Amino acid sequence: MDRLRSFGRRVALLLSVLLVGSCGGGGDAGGGPAVVAVYTSFGSVQCDGGGDTLTQLQQSLIAAGIEVLASRCGLDGVIRPAVCGESDGRIAIFDIAQPELAVALLIGFAMLNTLPGASAVVCQ
């Protein structure tokens, strides 16, 4: 049942992105598509680290047919207690063309602008 709800939410999100994208405009002055930043968690945890690498996460976008224009590491900006085994807030940030946003959202990425406290950091 949860999978069905999750699928339904993703379909609704895809439709809303497509509808907004069909409104036109939004391109840069050079006539190319607008660039948007998306992110996903590295999956690393406090005390143990672990998770995926920036390259592995970038490959998941490429495998979905999305061209990655730039990539960087970041922190989600969420304040959390120091507890071993809990998320450490590390995120991977990717710049992609706006028309490819719907696919990125479907495969589990989110728009960076939904994390107002996020910041880029040096990858370690």
C-alpha atoms as a PDB file:
ATOM      1  CA  MET A   1       0.000   0.000   0.000  1.00  0.00           C
ATOM      2  CA  ASP A   2       2.859   2.398   0.845  1.00  0.00           C
ATOM      3  CA  ARG A   3       4.492   1.654  -2.512  1.00  0.00           C
ATOM      4  CA  LEU A   4       1.252   2.511  -4.277  1.00  0.00           C
ATOM      5  CA  ARG A   5       0.988   5.816  -2.419  1.00  0.00           C
ATOM      6  CA  SER A   6       4.625   6.605  -3.158  1.00  0.00           C
ATOM      7  CA  PHE A   7       4.090   5.839  -6.833  1.00  0.00           C
ATOM      8  CA  GLY A   8       0.970   8.006  -6.891  1.00  0.00           C
ATOM      9  CA  ARG A   9       2.863  10.902  -5.322  1.00  0.00           C
ATOM     10  CA  ARG A  10       5.645  10.592  -7.860  1.00  0.00           C
ATOM     11  CA  VAL A  11       3.185  10.565 -10.747  1.00  0.00           C
ATOM     12  CA  ALA A  12       1.444  13.656  -9.333  1.00  0.00           C
ATOM     13  CA  LEU A  13       4.814  15.371  -8.896  1.00  0.00           C
ATOM     14  CA  LEU A  14       5.807  14.497 -12.453  1.00  0.00           C
ATOM     15  CA  LEU A  15       2.559  15.863 -13.816  1.00  0.00           C
ATOM     16  CA  SER A  16       2.922  19.110 -11.884  1.00  0.00           C
ATOM     17  CA  VAL A  17       6.498  19.568 -13.100  1.00  0.00           C
ATOM     18  CA  LEU A  18       5.419  18.913 -16.680  1.00  0.00           C
ATOM     19  CA  LEU A  19       2.530  21.365 -16.396  1.00  0.00           C
ATOM     20  CA  VAL A  20       4.740  24.095 -14.951  1.00  0.00           C
ATOM     21  CA  GLY A  21       7.388  23.393 -17.588  1.00  0.00           C
ATOM     22  CA  SER A  22       4.841  23.717 -20.372  1.00  0.00           C
ATOM     23  CA  CYS A  23       4.116  27.325 -19.393  1.00  0.00           C
ATOM     24  CA  GLY A  24       7.136  28.495 -21.390  1.00  0.00           C
ATOM     25  CA  GLY A  25       9.788  31.031 -20.523  1.00  0.00           C
ATOM     26  CA  GLY A  26      12.404  30.329 -17.917  1.00  0.00           C
ATOM     27  CA  GLY A  27      15.277  29.955 -20.364  1.00  0.00           C
ATOM     28  CA  ASP A  28      18.443  31.975 -20.036  1.00  0.00           C
ATOM     29  CA  ALA A  29      19.205  34.970 -22.232  1.00  0.00           C
ATOM     30  CA  GLY A  30      21.332  32.748 -24.497  1.00  0.00           C
ATOM     31  CA  GLY A  31      18.313  30.716 -25.500  1.00  0.00           C
ATOM     32  CA  GLY A  32      19.432  27.527 -23.740  1.00  0.00           C
ATOM     33  CA  PRO A  33      17.422  25.677 -21.116  1.00  0.00           C
ATOM     34  CA  ALA A  34      17.438  26.888 -17.533  1.00  0.00           C
ATOM     35  CA  VAL A  35      19.679  25.049 -15.100  1.00  0.00           C
ATOM     36  CA  VAL A  36      18.311  23.642 -11.834  1.00  0.00           C
ATOM     37  CA  ALA A  37      20.108  22.136  -8.858  1.00  0.00           C
ATOM     38  CA  VAL A  38      18.983  18.779  -7.500  1.00  0.00           C
ATOM     39  CA  TYR A  39      20.287  16.815  -4.544  1.00  0.00           C
ATOM     40  CA  THR A  40      20.217  13.467  -2.854  1.00  0.00           C
ATOM     41  CA  SER A  41      21.663  12.160   0.388  1.00  0.00           C
ATOM     42  CA  PHE A  42      24.971  10.349   0.324  1.00  0.00           C
ATOM     43  CA  GLY A  43      23.397   7.887   2.767  1.00  0.00           C
ATOM     44  CA  SER A  44      26.268   8.357   5.190  1.00  0.00           C
ATOM     45  CA  VAL A  45      25.754   8.292   8.951  1.00  0.00           C
ATOM     46  CA  GLN A  46      27.380   9.834  11.984  1.00  0.00           C
ATOM     47  CA  CYS A  47      30.360   7.964  13.486  1.00  0.00           C
ATOM     48  CA  ASP A  48      30.501   5.366  10.681  1.00  0.00           C
ATOM     49  CA  GLY A  49      30.394   7.389   7.456  1.00  0.00           C
ATOM     50  CA  GLY A  50      29.639   5.029   4.589  1.00  0.00           C
ATOM     51  CA  GLY A  51      27.114   5.767   1.885  1.00  0.00           C
ATOM     52  CA  ASP A  52      27.619   6.386  -1.811  1.00  0.00           C
ATOM     53  CA  THR A  53      30.264   8.473  -3.543  1.00  0.00           C
ATOM     54  CA  LEU A  54      29.615  11.591  -5.608  1.00  0.00           C
ATOM     55  CA  THR A  55      30.589   9.616  -8.716  1.00  0.00           C
ATOM     56  CA  GLN A  56      28.136   6.784  -7.934  1.00  0.00           C
ATOM     57  CA  LEU A  57      25.273   9.222  -7.428  1.00  0.00           C
ATOM     58  CA  GLN A  58      26.186  11.099 -10.614  1.00  0.00           C
ATOM     59  CA  GLN A  59      26.152   7.802 -12.498  1.00  0.00           C
ATOM     60  CA  SER A  60      22.556   7.200 -11.397  1.00  0.00           C
ATOM     61  CA  LEU A  61      21.567  10.442 -13.148  1.00  0.00           C
ATOM     62  CA  ILE A  62      23.573   9.580 -16.247  1.00  0.00           C
ATOM     63  CA  ALA A  63      22.015   6.092 -16.353  1.00  0.00           C
ATOM     64  CA  ALA A  64      18.605   7.789 -16.436  1.00  0.00           C
ATOM     65  CA  GLY A  65      19.667   9.820 -19.466  1.00  0.00           C
ATOM     66  CA  ILE A  66      20.325  13.057 -17.570  1.00  0.00           C
ATOM     67  CA  GLU A  67      23.353  15.167 -18.453  1.00  0.00           C
ATOM     68  CA  VAL A  68      25.106  16.428 -15.333  1.00  0.00           C
ATOM     69  CA  LEU A  69      26.403  19.956 -15.888  1.00  0.00           C
ATOM     70  CA  ALA A  70      28.174  20.294 -12.517  1.00  0.00           C
ATOM     71  CA  SER A  71      28.453  18.391  -9.249  1.00  0.00           C
ATOM     72  CA  ARG A  72      29.483  19.249  -5.713  1.00  0.00           C
ATOM     73  CA  CYS A  73      29.126  18.104  -2.132  1.00  0.00           C
ATOM     74  CA  GLY A  74      26.978  19.828   0.443  1.00  0.00           C
ATOM     75  CA  LEU A  75      25.249  19.754   3.793  1.00  0.00           C
ATOM     76  CA  ASP A  76      21.472  19.790   4.101  1.00  0.00           C
ATOM     77  CA  GLY A  77      21.500  22.475   6.819  1.00  0.00           C
ATOM     78  CA  VAL A  78      19.247  20.485   9.138  1.00  0.00           C
ATOM     79  CA  ILE A  79      20.216  20.689  12.804  1.00  0.00           C
ATOM     80  CA  ARG A  80      20.266  17.221  14.307  1.00  0.00           C
ATOM     81  CA  PRO A  81      21.519  15.673  17.547  1.00  0.00           C
ATOM     82  CA  ALA A  82      24.890  13.927  17.506  1.00  0.00           C
ATOM     83  CA  VAL A  83      23.827  10.278  17.494  1.00  0.00           C
ATOM     84  CA  CYS A  84      25.920   7.506  15.996  1.00  0.00           C
ATOM     85  CA  GLY A  85      24.060   5.760  13.192  1.00  0.00           C
ATOM     86  CA  GLU A  86      21.849   8.753  12.333  1.00  0.00           C
ATOM     87  CA  SER A  87      22.188  10.770   9.128  1.00  0.00           C
ATOM     88  CA  ASP A  88      25.119  13.167   8.999  1.00  0.00           C
ATOM     89  CA  GLY A  89      23.344  15.524   6.592  1.00  0.00           C
ATOM     90  CA  ARG A  90      25.811  15.153   3.718  1.00  0.00           C
ATOM     91  CA  ILE A  91      24.231  15.629   0.296  1.00  0.00           C
ATOM     92  CA  ALA A  92      25.360  15.422  -3.315  1.00  0.00           C
ATOM     93  CA  ILE A  93      24.311  18.397  -5.451  1.00  0.00           C
ATOM     94  CA  PHE A  94      24.006  18.290  -9.238  1.00  0.00           C
ATOM     95  CA  ASP A  95      23.198  20.967 -11.794  1.00  0.00           C
ATOM     96  CA  ILE A  96      21.015  19.675 -14.630  1.00  0.00           C
ATOM     97  CA  ALA A  97      18.939  21.196 -17.431  1.00  0.00           C
ATOM     98  CA  GLN A  98      15.422  22.097 -16.297  1.00  0.00           C
ATOM     99  CA  PRO A  99      13.719  19.863 -18.912  1.00  0.00           C
ATOM    100  CA  GLU A 100      15.387  16.842 -17.257  1.00  0.00           C
ATOM    101  CA  LEU A 101      14.064  17.723 -13.794  1.00  0.00           C
ATOM    102  CA  ALA A 102      11.005  15.459 -13.963  1.00  0.00           C
ATOM    103  CA  VAL A 103      13.158  12.380 -14.568  1.00  0.00           C
ATOM    104  CA  ALA A 104      15.534  13.311 -11.729  1.00  0.00           C
ATOM    105  CA  LEU A 105      12.585  13.668  -9.363  1.00  0.00           C
ATOM    106  CA  LEU A 106      11.200  10.296 -10.428  1.00  0.00           C
ATOM    107  CA  ILE A 107      14.449   8.508  -9.614  1.00  0.00           C
ATOM    108  CA  GLY A 108      14.599   9.974  -6.109  1.00  0.00           C
ATOM    109  CA  PHE A 109      16.376  13.312  -6.379  1.00  0.00           C
ATOM    110  CA  ALA A 110      14.831  16.529  -5.022  1.00  0.00           C
ATOM    111  CA  MET A 111      15.170  20.197  -5.869  1.00  0.00           C
ATOM    112  CA  LEU A 112      17.898  21.914  -3.863  1.00  0.00           C
ATOM    113  CA  ASN A 113      15.705  24.963  -3.299  1.00  0.00           C
ATOM    114  CA  THR A 114      13.562  22.815  -0.963  1.00  0.00           C
ATOM    115  CA  LEU A 115      16.487  22.899   1.513  1.00  0.00           C
ATOM    116  CA  PRO A 116      16.799  26.578   2.449  1.00  0.00           C
ATOM    117  CA  GLY A 117      19.670  25.918   4.878  1.00  0.00           C
ATOM    118  CA  ALA A 118      21.753  23.789   2.490  1.00  0.00           C
ATOM    119  CA  SER A 119      25.306  24.806   1.669  1.00  0.00           C
ATOM    120  CA  ALA A 120      28.081  23.550  -0.583  1.00  0.00           C
ATOM    121  CA  VAL A 121      31.186  22.135   1.107  1.00  0.00           C
ATOM    122  CA  VAL A 122      34.454  20.626  -0.021  1.00  0.00           C
ATOM    123  CA  CYS A 123      34.053  16.935  -0.851  1.00  0.00           C
ATOM    124  CA  GLN A 124      35.966  14.645   1.474  1.00  0.00           C
END
